Every structure is written in C-alpha cells, then in structure tokens.
Amino acid sequence: MNSFLLQHRLFNRYTLITAVSLFSVLILSWFFVSGLSEVLFMDYSAPDLGGRDHAEARGEMLPIFLQQIMSSETLINSSMTYVVLFLPLFYIFPTVTFSSELKSCFVFGVHRFKSSSKSLLLAIAQHSLIAALVSTATFILFYAIIGLFVTAHFDWMTMFGQFFHGDLYENNPLLFFIFMFCTIYFSFGFLFAFISCGLMLFIERPYFVIFGIAVAYYVYFYVGSYLDYFLSLLLGHHIELFWLGNTVTAFNTYQTTLQVFIPLIPIAIFAGILVFLGVQKRIKNVCT
C-alpha cells in the first residue's frame, strides 16, 4: 500500500499540471520581460532606427540585441518576474492529492495503519517533499535547457551563496542556479506545501485552501514589511524577520544566504503548529 501511495503521490495530473504550468510561465516571462519578443518581431526599418532596409538592419542589429539579452542575469531576472507573483501556487497545487487521501485511504483504510498519527505525518511529509521536488526539478530543467544558449554573465549578481570559495557564480552560473533552487526555493516550497496539507486537515475543499494560501501570501508579503519596520524601531536596529521579499528574490538580493532564510523561520513555526493541531483533531475525530 505504501508503494502504491507513493507512486500515486508522485505521478498524477496535479504534479504534471504543476510542472507544465511552471515551465510555461518561466518561458513566457523570459520571452516577454527580457525583450526577446520585441527584438525578434520589431520593425527594423523604423525611422528611429535609421530607416534602413528591414532585412539589412535586422541582420546587423539583432545579434547585438541578442548578446545583451542572452546573459545569465537577464535570464534569471526576466524568467522569474512572473513566477514570483504566483510562487506558492506551484508548490501547493500538487498537495490536492492529500485531500483526496484524507477522504479515502485515511477513512476506509485507517485500520491498516499501525499508527494513524505517524501515517498522517508521513503522508504530509511525502506530499510536501514531492511538491517541492516537482517545482525544483522544473526550475533546473528550464535553466539547464535555456542555459545552453546563454552567451555571457557578470561577475556578481546576488549575495546569496557568496560563501562559496572560487566564485561559483562567476565560473558556473548554471551550477549556482541549481544550488539556489535546491536550497532556498526548495525550503520555501516544502514549507508552503506543509502548510497546505495542514490546512486540509481542517478544510475539506482543497481549492479553498489553495485560494486562501494565495491571498495570505500577498497579504503577508506586505504586512511582513510593516512588522519588520515596527520591530526594527522597537529594537533599535534593522531587522528582516517577516518580509519575504528577499527570500523569493534570492536570485537578486543584497542579503546574505542566512538572511534570506530567516523569514522562513516564522513560517516554519506556524506550519509545525498547524500540522500538529490538525493531526490531533483528525485523530480525535477518527476515534470518536
């Protein structure tokens, strides 16, 4: 049963939709925000470009524009522009299957589990892990493919990962991106998926949970900055404990690796409490 559940949690329409959607948003964001769409389809015979023959001007100017666009910095900044707006959704959508399990195997098959609480916690951990892995793998696949066409990069872009000796970003931008998505973004995704599963222990309809987390993400994003502001005034020095801005934009931040992880601490505490209370409530309902 455990093997069947694991396969079901990993291979289903929700993980597929997540991977395809995230990959598509990355491509669209990169294509439009980087200016690639403009330089490919612009009118090179326009008066402000000299009014020359379109084909001649395009052949001369397009390589120059592409050289500016096809850099590691432009790639990561432009492709993530749309993604950060919906970032939690890509991590929590695969957890919809957990809601289905709560109504099926954790009801009709509850007698097969030696410990319902441990089985629930294991299921939540697996769903959260899979949700984070799906999006992380999609990120890596996208940058591995598009990275083949990258022609240049700067020596510095973000403070994240600056503890590496030998200038990892300067020598291998793709490897740096992989490290970044396997650490901060994986952690971010795991926690939000964990919260999603925790809420599903209280709320039966998974899409209400998804909508609620999406709204809470936007609200917390702005409220967190005010919380940090008042906390900084109270303590007398600058603190960023709640604002998620530098966390979701770790690819371009002046904050160190440790500072980027700090806003995840309150979220992790909330996620742990939520799941603990949810499991206790679920076990109590089953027993009664």
C-alpha atoms as a PDB file:
ATOM      1  CA  MET A   1       0.000   0.000   0.000  1.00  0.00           C
ATOM      2  CA  ASN A   2       2.841   2.394   0.848  1.00  0.00           C
ATOM      3  CA  SER A   3       4.473   1.812  -2.555  1.00  0.00           C
ATOM      4  CA  PHE A   4       1.180   2.385  -4.351  1.00  0.00           C
ATOM      5  CA  LEU A   5       0.515   5.596  -2.409  1.00  0.00           C
ATOM      6  CA  LEU A   6       3.992   6.918  -3.100  1.00  0.00           C
ATOM      7  CA  GLN A   7       3.601   6.345  -6.837  1.00  0.00           C
ATOM      8  CA  HIS A   8       0.169   7.951  -6.763  1.00  0.00           C
ATOM      9  CA  ARG A   9       1.522  10.986  -4.918  1.00  0.00           C
ATOM     10  CA  LEU A  10       4.390  11.418  -7.362  1.00  0.00           C
ATOM     11  CA  PHE A  11       2.742  10.598 -10.689  1.00  0.00           C
ATOM     12  CA  ASN A  12      -0.650  12.243 -11.087  1.00  0.00           C
ATOM     13  CA  ARG A  13      -2.295  15.008 -13.065  1.00  0.00           C
ATOM     14  CA  TYR A  14      -1.608  17.610 -10.394  1.00  0.00           C
ATOM     15  CA  THR A  15       2.169  17.179 -10.458  1.00  0.00           C
ATOM     16  CA  LEU A  16       2.066  17.124 -14.271  1.00  0.00           C
ATOM     17  CA  ILE A  17      -0.035  20.294 -14.447  1.00  0.00           C
ATOM     18  CA  THR A  18       2.323  21.961 -11.967  1.00  0.00           C
ATOM     19  CA  ALA A  19       5.439  21.101 -13.970  1.00  0.00           C
ATOM     20  CA  VAL A  20       3.940  22.133 -17.311  1.00  0.00           C
ATOM     21  CA  SER A  21       2.456  25.346 -15.896  1.00  0.00           C
ATOM     22  CA  LEU A  22       5.662  26.414 -14.163  1.00  0.00           C
ATOM     23  CA  PHE A  23       7.773  25.672 -17.244  1.00  0.00           C
ATOM     24  CA  SER A  24       5.335  27.623 -19.418  1.00  0.00           C
ATOM     25  CA  VAL A  25       5.304  30.652 -17.098  1.00  0.00           C
ATOM     26  CA  LEU A  26       9.108  30.656 -16.997  1.00  0.00           C
ATOM     27  CA  ILE A  27       9.278  30.660 -20.796  1.00  0.00           C
ATOM     28  CA  LEU A  28       6.613  33.355 -21.223  1.00  0.00           C
ATOM     29  CA  SER A  29       8.146  35.546 -18.535  1.00  0.00           C
ATOM     30  CA  TRP A  30      11.614  35.240 -20.046  1.00  0.00           C
ATOM     31  CA  PHE A  31      10.339  35.757 -23.607  1.00  0.00           C
ATOM     32  CA  PHE A  32       8.432  38.968 -22.876  1.00  0.00           C
ATOM     33  CA  VAL A  33      10.235  40.564 -19.922  1.00  0.00           C
ATOM     34  CA  SER A  34      13.738  40.091 -21.357  1.00  0.00           C
ATOM     35  CA  GLY A  35      12.737  41.940 -24.526  1.00  0.00           C
ATOM     36  CA  LEU A  36      13.331  38.881 -26.690  1.00  0.00           C
ATOM     37  CA  SER A  37       9.829  39.098 -28.167  1.00  0.00           C
ATOM     38  CA  GLU A  38      10.428  42.716 -29.088  1.00  0.00           C
ATOM     39  CA  VAL A  39      13.782  42.281 -30.827  1.00  0.00           C
ATOM     40  CA  LEU A  40      12.554  39.269 -32.778  1.00  0.00           C
ATOM     41  CA  PHE A  41       9.461  40.944 -34.176  1.00  0.00           C
ATOM     42  CA  MET A  42      10.250  44.664 -34.145  1.00  0.00           C
ATOM     43  CA  ASP A  43      10.308  46.793 -37.293  1.00  0.00           C
ATOM     44  CA  TYR A  44      13.973  47.374 -38.027  1.00  0.00           C
ATOM     45  CA  SER A  45      13.104  49.751 -40.844  1.00  0.00           C
ATOM     46  CA  ALA A  46      11.526  52.222 -38.408  1.00  0.00           C
ATOM     47  CA  PRO A  47      12.716  55.859 -38.703  1.00  0.00           C
ATOM     48  CA  ASP A  48      14.134  55.905 -35.152  1.00  0.00           C
ATOM     49  CA  LEU A  49      16.432  53.030 -36.155  1.00  0.00           C
ATOM     50  CA  GLY A  50      17.738  54.779 -39.236  1.00  0.00           C
ATOM     51  CA  GLY A  51      15.000  53.946 -41.718  1.00  0.00           C
ATOM     52  CA  ARG A  52      17.167  51.381 -43.495  1.00  0.00           C
ATOM     53  CA  ASP A  53      16.117  48.190 -45.224  1.00  0.00           C
ATOM     54  CA  HIS A  54      14.471  45.867 -42.677  1.00  0.00           C
ATOM     55  CA  ALA A  55      16.485  42.747 -43.543  1.00  0.00           C
ATOM     56  CA  GLU A  56      19.788  44.600 -43.618  1.00  0.00           C
ATOM     57  CA  ALA A  57      19.188  46.426 -40.348  1.00  0.00           C
ATOM     58  CA  ARG A  58      17.876  43.272 -38.650  1.00  0.00           C
ATOM     59  CA  GLY A  59      20.916  41.271 -39.684  1.00  0.00           C
ATOM     60  CA  GLU A  60      23.201  43.926 -38.214  1.00  0.00           C
ATOM     61  CA  MET A  61      21.351  44.828 -35.022  1.00  0.00           C
ATOM     62  CA  LEU A  62      19.693  41.588 -33.936  1.00  0.00           C
ATOM     63  CA  PRO A  63      22.974  39.883 -32.870  1.00  0.00           C
ATOM     64  CA  ILE A  64      23.801  42.939 -30.743  1.00  0.00           C
ATOM     65  CA  PHE A  65      20.423  42.846 -29.010  1.00  0.00           C
ATOM     66  CA  LEU A  66      20.596  39.089 -28.506  1.00  0.00           C
ATOM     67  CA  GLN A  67      24.050  39.365 -26.932  1.00  0.00           C
ATOM     68  CA  GLN A  68      22.599  41.719 -24.332  1.00  0.00           C
ATOM     69  CA  ILE A  69      19.528  39.543 -23.742  1.00  0.00           C
ATOM     70  CA  MET A  70      21.218  36.144 -23.638  1.00  0.00           C
ATOM     71  CA  SER A  71      23.062  36.636 -20.371  1.00  0.00           C
ATOM     72  CA  SER A  72      22.631  34.725 -17.130  1.00  0.00           C
ATOM     73  CA  GLU A  73      21.455  37.829 -15.308  1.00  0.00           C
ATOM     74  CA  THR A  74      18.789  38.678 -17.867  1.00  0.00           C
ATOM     75  CA  LEU A  75      17.698  35.049 -18.000  1.00  0.00           C
ATOM     76  CA  ILE A  76      17.107  34.621 -14.267  1.00  0.00           C
ATOM     77  CA  ASN A  77      15.691  38.099 -13.653  1.00  0.00           C
ATOM     78  CA  SER A  78      13.261  38.064 -16.563  1.00  0.00           C
ATOM     79  CA  SER A  79      12.124  34.446 -16.221  1.00  0.00           C
ATOM     80  CA  MET A  80      11.365  34.825 -12.509  1.00  0.00           C
ATOM     81  CA  THR A  81       9.442  38.111 -12.870  1.00  0.00           C
ATOM     82  CA  TYR A  82       6.038  36.445 -13.375  1.00  0.00           C
ATOM     83  CA  VAL A  83       6.866  33.370 -11.305  1.00  0.00           C
ATOM     84  CA  VAL A  84       7.384  35.211  -8.002  1.00  0.00           C
ATOM     85  CA  LEU A  85       3.837  36.556  -8.283  1.00  0.00           C
ATOM     86  CA  PHE A  86       2.389  33.043  -8.111  1.00  0.00           C
ATOM     87  CA  LEU A  87       5.268  31.196  -6.446  1.00  0.00           C
ATOM     88  CA  PRO A  88       3.313  29.419  -3.654  1.00  0.00           C
ATOM     89  CA  LEU A  89       0.718  28.095  -6.114  1.00  0.00           C
ATOM     90  CA  PHE A  90       3.280  25.956  -7.921  1.00  0.00           C
ATOM     91  CA  TYR A  91       4.278  24.356  -4.628  1.00  0.00           C
ATOM     92  CA  ILE A  92       0.856  23.769  -3.103  1.00  0.00           C
ATOM     93  CA  PHE A  93      -1.121  22.575  -6.130  1.00  0.00           C
ATOM     94  CA  PRO A  94       0.365  19.016  -6.028  1.00  0.00           C
ATOM     95  CA  THR A  95      -0.930  18.633  -2.448  1.00  0.00           C
ATOM     96  CA  VAL A  96      -4.507  18.374  -3.734  1.00  0.00           C
ATOM     97  CA  THR A  97      -3.986  14.602  -3.745  1.00  0.00           C
ATOM     98  CA  PHE A  98      -3.538  14.716   0.028  1.00  0.00           C
ATOM     99  CA  SER A  99      -7.095  15.998   0.371  1.00  0.00           C
ATOM    100  CA  SER A 100      -8.302  13.036  -1.678  1.00  0.00           C
ATOM    101  CA  GLU A 101      -6.390  10.616   0.547  1.00  0.00           C
ATOM    102  CA  LEU A 102      -7.980  12.105   3.657  1.00  0.00           C
ATOM    103  CA  LYS A 103     -11.380  11.195   2.217  1.00  0.00           C
ATOM    104  CA  SER A 104     -10.373   7.723   1.037  1.00  0.00           C
ATOM    105  CA  CYS A 105      -7.480   5.681   2.427  1.00  0.00           C
ATOM    106  CA  PHE A 106      -7.372   7.594   5.730  1.00  0.00           C
ATOM    107  CA  VAL A 107     -11.050   6.772   6.219  1.00  0.00           C
ATOM    108  CA  PHE A 108     -11.684   3.359   4.692  1.00  0.00           C
ATOM    109  CA  GLY A 109      -8.137   2.085   5.141  1.00  0.00           C
ATOM    110  CA  VAL A 110      -7.388   3.585   8.523  1.00  0.00           C
ATOM    111  CA  HIS A 111      -7.360   0.121  10.147  1.00  0.00           C
ATOM    112  CA  ARG A 112      -4.316  -0.796   8.036  1.00  0.00           C
ATOM    113  CA  PHE A 113      -2.121   1.802   9.715  1.00  0.00           C
ATOM    114  CA  LYS A 114      -0.317   0.841  12.904  1.00  0.00           C
ATOM    115  CA  SER A 115      -0.337   4.481  13.985  1.00  0.00           C
ATOM    116  CA  SER A 116      -2.727   6.944  12.374  1.00  0.00           C
ATOM    117  CA  SER A 117      -0.800   9.973  13.603  1.00  0.00           C
ATOM    118  CA  LYS A 118       2.539   8.713  12.265  1.00  0.00           C
ATOM    119  CA  SER A 119       0.919   7.735   8.972  1.00  0.00           C
ATOM    120  CA  LEU A 120      -0.609  11.197   8.631  1.00  0.00           C
ATOM    121  CA  LEU A 121       2.688  12.901   9.402  1.00  0.00           C
ATOM    122  CA  LEU A 122       4.499  10.664   6.915  1.00  0.00           C
ATOM    123  CA  ALA A 123       1.884  11.413   4.257  1.00  0.00           C
ATOM    124  CA  ILE A 124       2.182  15.165   4.874  1.00  0.00           C
ATOM    125  CA  ALA A 125       5.978  14.987   4.730  1.00  0.00           C
ATOM    126  CA  GLN A 126       5.894  12.981   1.489  1.00  0.00           C
ATOM    127  CA  HIS A 127       3.377  15.275  -0.175  1.00  0.00           C
ATOM    128  CA  SER A 128       5.375  18.340   0.851  1.00  0.00           C
ATOM    129  CA  LEU A 129       8.629  16.788  -0.309  1.00  0.00           C
ATOM    130  CA  ILE A 130       7.166  15.762  -3.659  1.00  0.00           C
ATOM    131  CA  ALA A 131       5.568  19.162  -4.203  1.00  0.00           C
ATOM    132  CA  ALA A 132       8.895  20.885  -3.568  1.00  0.00           C
ATOM    133  CA  LEU A 133      10.795  18.403  -5.740  1.00  0.00           C
ATOM    134  CA  VAL A 134       8.444  18.786  -8.724  1.00  0.00           C
ATOM    135  CA  SER A 135       8.907  22.542  -8.917  1.00  0.00           C
ATOM    136  CA  THR A 136      12.624  22.352  -8.138  1.00  0.00           C
ATOM    137  CA  ALA A 137      13.158  19.811 -10.919  1.00  0.00           C
ATOM    138  CA  THR A 138      11.174  22.020 -13.308  1.00  0.00           C
ATOM    139  CA  PHE A 139      13.313  25.036 -12.456  1.00  0.00           C
ATOM    140  CA  ILE A 140      16.511  23.056 -13.012  1.00  0.00           C
ATOM    141  CA  LEU A 141      15.247  21.629 -16.317  1.00  0.00           C
ATOM    142  CA  PHE A 142      14.308  25.076 -17.624  1.00  0.00           C
ATOM    143  CA  TYR A 143      17.630  26.709 -16.763  1.00  0.00           C
ATOM    144  CA  ALA A 144      19.600  23.702 -17.979  1.00  0.00           C
ATOM    145  CA  ILE A 145      17.908  23.942 -21.396  1.00  0.00           C
ATOM    146  CA  ILE A 146      17.834  27.723 -21.834  1.00  0.00           C
ATOM    147  CA  GLY A 147      21.263  27.956 -20.231  1.00  0.00           C
ATOM    148  CA  LEU A 148      22.708  26.242 -23.308  1.00  0.00           C
ATOM    149  CA  PHE A 149      22.029  29.440 -25.237  1.00  0.00           C
ATOM    150  CA  VAL A 150      23.419  31.850 -22.656  1.00  0.00           C
ATOM    151  CA  THR A 151      26.462  33.647 -24.006  1.00  0.00           C
ATOM    152  CA  ALA A 152      27.627  35.877 -21.161  1.00  0.00           C
ATOM    153  CA  HIS A 153      27.315  36.713 -17.487  1.00  0.00           C
ATOM    154  CA  PHE A 154      28.592  39.250 -14.994  1.00  0.00           C
ATOM    155  CA  ASP A 155      30.970  38.577 -12.128  1.00  0.00           C
ATOM    156  CA  TRP A 156      28.366  39.361  -9.452  1.00  0.00           C
ATOM    157  CA  MET A 157      24.608  39.270  -9.240  1.00  0.00           C
ATOM    158  CA  THR A 158      23.415  38.357  -5.748  1.00  0.00           C
ATOM    159  CA  MET A 159      24.780  37.985  -2.231  1.00  0.00           C
ATOM    160  CA  PHE A 160      23.084  34.618  -1.939  1.00  0.00           C
ATOM    161  CA  GLY A 161      25.681  31.846  -1.968  1.00  0.00           C
ATOM    162  CA  GLN A 162      28.623  34.228  -1.642  1.00  0.00           C
ATOM    163  CA  PHE A 163      30.221  31.934   0.942  1.00  0.00           C
ATOM    164  CA  PHE A 164      31.440  29.690  -1.886  1.00  0.00           C
ATOM    165  CA  HIS A 165      35.152  29.823  -2.482  1.00  0.00           C
ATOM    166  CA  GLY A 166      36.290  30.077  -6.060  1.00  0.00           C
ATOM    167  CA  ASP A 167      33.393  32.287  -7.197  1.00  0.00           C
ATOM    168  CA  LEU A 168      30.834  29.655  -8.134  1.00  0.00           C
ATOM    169  CA  TYR A 169      28.563  32.093  -9.950  1.00  0.00           C
ATOM    170  CA  GLU A 170      31.402  33.584 -11.971  1.00  0.00           C
ATOM    171  CA  ASN A 171      32.702  30.174 -13.052  1.00  0.00           C
ATOM    172  CA  ASN A 172      29.451  28.240 -13.421  1.00  0.00           C
ATOM    173  CA  PRO A 173      26.176  30.213 -13.329  1.00  0.00           C
ATOM    174  CA  LEU A 174      24.059  27.123 -14.048  1.00  0.00           C
ATOM    175  CA  LEU A 175      25.513  25.228 -11.087  1.00  0.00           C
ATOM    176  CA  PHE A 176      24.864  28.289  -8.933  1.00  0.00           C
ATOM    177  CA  PHE A 177      21.214  28.390 -10.051  1.00  0.00           C
ATOM    178  CA  ILE A 178      20.836  24.683  -9.257  1.00  0.00           C
ATOM    179  CA  PHE A 179      22.244  25.249  -5.773  1.00  0.00           C
ATOM    180  CA  MET A 180      19.893  28.192  -5.229  1.00  0.00           C
ATOM    181  CA  PHE A 181      16.745  26.329  -6.279  1.00  0.00           C
ATOM    182  CA  CYS A 182      17.720  23.213  -4.320  1.00  0.00           C
ATOM    183  CA  THR A 183      18.144  25.231  -1.118  1.00  0.00           C
ATOM    184  CA  ILE A 184      16.120  28.394  -0.554  1.00  0.00           C
ATOM    185  CA  TYR A 185      13.367  27.759  -3.097  1.00  0.00           C
ATOM    186  CA  PHE A 186      13.073  24.086  -2.149  1.00  0.00           C
ATOM    187  CA  SER A 187      12.748  25.081   1.523  1.00  0.00           C
ATOM    188  CA  PHE A 188      10.182  27.736   0.651  1.00  0.00           C
ATOM    189  CA  GLY A 189       8.163  25.225  -1.359  1.00  0.00           C
ATOM    190  CA  PHE A 190       8.328  22.492   1.270  1.00  0.00           C
ATOM    191  CA  LEU A 191       7.026  24.821   3.979  1.00  0.00           C
ATOM    192  CA  PHE A 192       4.142  26.144   1.901  1.00  0.00           C
ATOM    193  CA  ALA A 193       3.180  22.613   0.839  1.00  0.00           C
ATOM    194  CA  PHE A 194       3.386  21.595   4.508  1.00  0.00           C
ATOM    195  CA  ILE A 195       1.012  24.435   5.402  1.00  0.00           C
ATOM    196  CA  SER A 196      -1.312  23.407   2.582  1.00  0.00           C
ATOM    197  CA  CYS A 197      -1.526  19.851   3.923  1.00  0.00           C
ATOM    198  CA  GLY A 198      -2.037  21.184   7.435  1.00  0.00           C
ATOM    199  CA  LEU A 199      -4.954  23.342   6.344  1.00  0.00           C
ATOM    200  CA  MET A 200      -6.515  20.413   4.513  1.00  0.00           C
ATOM    201  CA  LEU A 201      -6.796  18.663   7.864  1.00  0.00           C
ATOM    202  CA  PHE A 202      -9.268  21.405   8.795  1.00  0.00           C
ATOM    203  CA  ILE A 203     -10.787  22.337   5.425  1.00  0.00           C
ATOM    204  CA  GLU A 204     -12.273  19.637   3.208  1.00  0.00           C
ATOM    205  CA  ARG A 205     -12.226  21.544  -0.074  1.00  0.00           C
ATOM    206  CA  PRO A 206      -8.622  21.773  -1.341  1.00  0.00           C
ATOM    207  CA  TYR A 207      -9.235  24.642  -3.746  1.00  0.00           C
ATOM    208  CA  PHE A 208     -10.393  26.801  -0.845  1.00  0.00           C
ATOM    209  CA  VAL A 209      -7.029  26.069   0.740  1.00  0.00           C
ATOM    210  CA  ILE A 210      -5.137  26.989  -2.430  1.00  0.00           C
ATOM    211  CA  PHE A 211      -7.059  30.233  -2.799  1.00  0.00           C
ATOM    212  CA  GLY A 212      -6.594  31.064   0.878  1.00  0.00           C
ATOM    213  CA  ILE A 213      -2.837  30.498   0.772  1.00  0.00           C
ATOM    214  CA  ALA A 214      -2.534  32.605  -2.381  1.00  0.00           C
ATOM    215  CA  VAL A 215      -4.353  35.502  -0.695  1.00  0.00           C
ATOM    216  CA  ALA A 216      -2.379  35.043   2.525  1.00  0.00           C
ATOM    217  CA  TYR A 217       0.877  35.125   0.524  1.00  0.00           C
ATOM    218  CA  TYR A 218       0.089  38.544  -0.921  1.00  0.00           C
ATOM    219  CA  VAL A 219      -1.160  39.900   2.393  1.00  0.00           C
ATOM    220  CA  TYR A 220       1.783  38.525   4.374  1.00  0.00           C
ATOM    221  CA  PHE A 221       4.196  39.826   1.753  1.00  0.00           C
ATOM    222  CA  TYR A 222       3.151  43.403   2.511  1.00  0.00           C
ATOM    223  CA  VAL A 223       2.228  43.049   6.187  1.00  0.00           C
ATOM    224  CA  GLY A 224       5.595  41.422   6.856  1.00  0.00           C
ATOM    225  CA  SER A 225       7.434  44.581   5.810  1.00  0.00           C
ATOM    226  CA  TYR A 226       5.456  46.627   8.352  1.00  0.00           C
ATOM    227  CA  LEU A 227       6.060  44.046  11.075  1.00  0.00           C
ATOM    228  CA  ASP A 228       9.785  44.252  10.426  1.00  0.00           C
ATOM    229  CA  TYR A 229       9.614  48.059  10.407  1.00  0.00           C
ATOM    230  CA  PHE A 230       7.962  48.264  13.831  1.00  0.00           C
ATOM    231  CA  LEU A 231      10.213  45.531  15.210  1.00  0.00           C
ATOM    232  CA  SER A 232      13.275  47.439  13.977  1.00  0.00           C
ATOM    233  CA  LEU A 233      12.022  50.613  15.676  1.00  0.00           C
ATOM    234  CA  LEU A 234      11.431  48.701  18.888  1.00  0.00           C
ATOM    235  CA  LEU A 235      14.860  47.048  18.968  1.00  0.00           C
ATOM    236  CA  GLY A 236      16.787  49.993  17.592  1.00  0.00           C
ATOM    237  CA  HIS A 237      18.383  48.284  14.575  1.00  0.00           C
ATOM    238  CA  HIS A 238      17.285  46.978  11.205  1.00  0.00           C
ATOM    239  CA  ILE A 239      15.640  43.530  11.250  1.00  0.00           C
ATOM    240  CA  GLU A 240      14.062  41.473   8.476  1.00  0.00           C
ATOM    241  CA  LEU A 241      12.289  38.581  10.150  1.00  0.00           C
ATOM    242  CA  PHE A 242       8.926  38.502   8.404  1.00  0.00           C
ATOM    243  CA  TRP A 243       9.298  40.130   4.970  1.00  0.00           C
ATOM    244  CA  LEU A 244       9.534  37.517   2.201  1.00  0.00           C
ATOM    245  CA  GLY A 245      10.827  39.899  -0.457  1.00  0.00           C
ATOM    246  CA  ASN A 246      14.481  38.887  -0.270  1.00  0.00           C
ATOM    247  CA  THR A 247      13.541  35.226   0.056  1.00  0.00           C
ATOM    248  CA  VAL A 248      11.507  34.962  -3.142  1.00  0.00           C
ATOM    249  CA  THR A 249      14.033  37.155  -4.989  1.00  0.00           C
ATOM    250  CA  ALA A 250      17.123  35.371  -3.705  1.00  0.00           C
ATOM    251  CA  PHE A 251      18.438  35.411  -7.279  1.00  0.00           C
ATOM    252  CA  ASN A 252      18.964  39.168  -6.988  1.00  0.00           C
ATOM    253  CA  THR A 253      19.363  40.371  -3.416  1.00  0.00           C
ATOM    254  CA  TYR A 254      21.838  42.237  -1.230  1.00  0.00           C
ATOM    255  CA  GLN A 255      21.022  39.938   1.695  1.00  0.00           C
ATOM    256  CA  THR A 256      23.331  37.094   2.685  1.00  0.00           C
ATOM    257  CA  THR A 257      22.343  33.435   2.472  1.00  0.00           C
ATOM    258  CA  LEU A 258      21.488  33.308   6.177  1.00  0.00           C
ATOM    259  CA  GLN A 259      19.427  36.497   5.996  1.00  0.00           C
ATOM    260  CA  VAL A 260      17.451  35.120   3.059  1.00  0.00           C
ATOM    261  CA  PHE A 261      16.497  32.042   5.106  1.00  0.00           C
ATOM    262  CA  ILE A 262      15.465  33.980   8.246  1.00  0.00           C
ATOM    263  CA  PRO A 263      11.918  34.927   7.049  1.00  0.00           C
ATOM    264  CA  LEU A 264      11.187  31.215   6.678  1.00  0.00           C
ATOM    265  CA  ILE A 265      11.580  30.674  10.433  1.00  0.00           C
ATOM    266  CA  PRO A 266       8.176  32.163  11.454  1.00  0.00           C
ATOM    267  CA  ILE A 267       6.564  30.264   8.581  1.00  0.00           C
ATOM    268  CA  ALA A 268       8.167  27.003   9.735  1.00  0.00           C
ATOM    269  CA  ILE A 269       6.934  27.540  13.291  1.00  0.00           C
ATOM    270  CA  PHE A 270       3.414  28.264  12.048  1.00  0.00           C
ATOM    271  CA  ALA A 271       3.499  25.206   9.764  1.00  0.00           C
ATOM    272  CA  GLY A 272       4.602  22.920  12.602  1.00  0.00           C
ATOM    273  CA  ILE A 273       1.901  24.152  14.988  1.00  0.00           C
ATOM    274  CA  LEU A 274      -0.764  23.940  12.273  1.00  0.00           C
ATOM    275  CA  VAL A 275       0.060  20.348  11.348  1.00  0.00           C
ATOM    276  CA  PHE A 276       0.316  19.283  14.988  1.00  0.00           C
ATOM    277  CA  LEU A 277      -3.130  20.676  15.787  1.00  0.00           C
ATOM    278  CA  GLY A 278      -4.565  19.284  12.566  1.00  0.00           C
ATOM    279  CA  VAL A 279      -3.291  15.767  13.229  1.00  0.00           C
ATOM    280  CA  GLN A 280      -4.626  15.865  16.779  1.00  0.00           C
ATOM    281  CA  LYS A 281      -8.011  16.994  15.505  1.00  0.00           C
ATOM    282  CA  ARG A 282      -8.054  14.297  12.841  1.00  0.00           C
ATOM    283  CA  ILE A 283      -7.137  11.524  15.278  1.00  0.00           C
ATOM    284  CA  LYS A 284      -9.768  12.715  17.753  1.00  0.00           C
ATOM    285  CA  ASN A 285     -12.459  12.661  15.043  1.00  0.00           C
ATOM    286  CA  VAL A 286     -11.455   9.157  13.933  1.00  0.00           C
ATOM    287  CA  CYS A 287     -11.525   7.843  17.480  1.00  0.00           C
ATOM    288  CA  THR A 288     -14.975   9.270  18.098  1.00  0.00           C
END
